């Protein structure tokens, strides 16, 4: 299976947002705060799965793992919505990630 790119995820989120444009808040900077809060809620669901089942079971039990991955997909969906809200391009994210990576490589 090929890598799943940020560009692919962003395009899927744009499609989803367009499909529900009459039901969901519009994608714009003012909506970004709510998206961040909803993403934190989804991160909490990921944490709950690991907390309740332990890391090893969450990684190896097929049903629990499936639920874990589903919740992580929810986190990524909100993450990509946030990128759309603030008009952050994949190139901008890559540049910031590379800078942060280099800084962390020299940290300790």
Protein backbone atom coordinates (compact mmCIF):
# COMPACT_ATOMS: atom_id res chain seq x y z
CA UNK A 1 0.00 0.00 0.00
CA UNK A 2 1.29 3.45 -0.89
CA UNK A 3 1.81 6.16 1.70
CA UNK A 4 -1.24 8.20 2.63
CA UNK A 5 -0.21 11.80 2.04
CA UNK A 6 -1.28 14.99 3.72
CA UNK A 7 -2.45 16.25 0.33
CA UNK A 8 -4.76 13.24 0.00
CA UNK A 9 -6.14 13.76 3.51
CA UNK A 10 -6.70 17.48 2.90
CA UNK A 11 -8.53 16.77 -0.35
CA UNK A 12 -10.76 14.23 1.41
CA UNK A 13 -11.51 16.78 4.14
CA UNK A 14 -12.36 19.42 1.54
CA UNK A 15 -14.77 16.95 -0.06
CA UNK A 16 -16.33 16.12 3.31
CA UNK A 17 -16.65 19.80 4.22
CA UNK A 18 -18.28 20.57 0.87
CA UNK A 19 -20.71 17.67 1.29
CA UNK A 20 -21.83 18.97 4.71
CA UNK A 21 -21.48 22.72 4.06
CA UNK A 22 -25.13 23.29 4.98
CA UNK A 23 -24.83 21.39 8.28
CA UNK A 24 -21.31 22.13 9.56
CA UNK A 25 -19.56 25.34 10.50
CA UNK A 26 -17.58 26.81 7.60
CA UNK A 27 -13.84 26.25 7.33
CA UNK A 28 -12.25 29.54 8.41
CA UNK A 29 -9.86 30.75 11.11
CA UNK A 30 -12.68 31.51 13.55
CA UNK A 31 -13.78 27.86 13.38
CA UNK A 32 -10.25 26.61 14.06
CA UNK A 33 -10.61 26.95 17.83
CA UNK A 34 -13.61 24.64 17.90
CA UNK A 35 -11.83 22.15 15.64
CA UNK A 36 -8.90 22.14 18.07
CA UNK A 37 -11.23 21.41 20.98
CA UNK A 38 -12.99 18.62 19.08
CA UNK A 39 -9.61 17.14 18.14
CA UNK A 40 -8.61 17.14 21.82
CA UNK A 41 -11.83 15.22 22.56
CA UNK A 42 -10.85 12.62 19.96
CA UNK A 43 -7.34 12.41 21.43
CA UNK A 44 -9.02 11.72 24.77
CA UNK A 45 -10.86 8.79 23.19
CA UNK A 46 -7.53 7.38 21.94
CA UNK A 47 -6.07 7.79 25.43
CA UNK A 48 -9.07 6.05 26.99
CA UNK A 49 -8.64 3.01 24.75
CA UNK A 50 -4.99 2.62 25.76
CA UNK A 51 -5.69 3.43 29.41
CA UNK A 52 -8.51 0.90 29.71
CA UNK A 53 -6.79 -1.89 27.79
CA UNK A 54 -3.07 -1.26 28.16
CA UNK A 55 -0.67 -0.51 25.35
CA UNK A 56 0.13 -4.09 24.41
CA UNK A 57 -3.50 -5.17 24.19
CA UNK A 58 -4.42 -2.01 22.24
CA UNK A 59 -1.68 -2.88 19.77
CA UNK A 60 -2.37 -6.60 19.45
CA UNK A 61 -6.06 -7.36 20.11
CA UNK A 62 -7.69 -6.99 16.69
CA UNK A 63 -11.00 -5.49 17.90
CA UNK A 64 -9.36 -3.01 20.26
CA UNK A 65 -6.73 -2.13 17.66
CA UNK A 66 -9.46 -1.47 15.07
CA UNK A 67 -11.19 0.91 17.50
CA UNK A 68 -7.86 2.60 18.31
CA UNK A 69 -7.11 3.16 14.63
CA UNK A 70 -10.63 4.48 14.00
CA UNK A 71 -10.24 7.05 16.78
CA UNK A 72 -6.80 8.02 15.48
CA UNK A 73 -8.39 8.60 12.06
CA UNK A 74 -10.87 10.95 13.78
CA UNK A 75 -7.92 12.86 15.27
CA UNK A 76 -6.35 13.16 11.82
CA UNK A 77 -9.61 14.35 10.29
CA UNK A 78 -9.83 17.21 12.79
CA UNK A 79 -6.10 17.88 12.36
CA UNK A 80 -6.62 18.31 8.63
CA UNK A 81 -9.70 20.47 9.21
CA UNK A 82 -7.51 22.69 11.40
CA UNK A 83 -4.94 22.94 8.61
CA UNK A 84 -7.76 23.99 6.28
CA UNK A 85 -9.13 26.53 8.79
CA UNK A 86 -5.76 28.26 9.05
CA UNK A 87 -4.84 27.69 5.39
CA UNK A 88 -1.66 25.80 6.29
CA UNK A 89 -0.15 24.14 3.24
CA UNK A 90 1.61 20.77 3.27
CA UNK A 91 4.81 22.58 2.22
CA UNK A 92 4.57 24.96 5.20
CA UNK A 93 4.00 22.03 7.54
CA UNK A 94 6.92 20.09 6.04
CA UNK A 95 9.27 23.06 6.43
CA UNK A 96 8.25 23.60 10.07
CA UNK A 97 8.52 19.85 10.76
CA UNK A 98 12.03 19.69 9.29
CA UNK A 99 13.16 22.72 11.32
CA UNK A 100 11.69 21.23 14.51
CA UNK A 101 13.27 17.84 13.73
CA UNK A 102 16.73 19.40 13.36
CA UNK A 103 16.26 21.36 16.59
CA UNK A 104 15.22 18.20 18.43
CA UNK A 105 18.19 16.26 17.01
CA UNK A 106 20.50 18.74 18.75
CA UNK A 107 18.53 19.04 21.97
CA UNK A 108 20.09 16.34 24.18
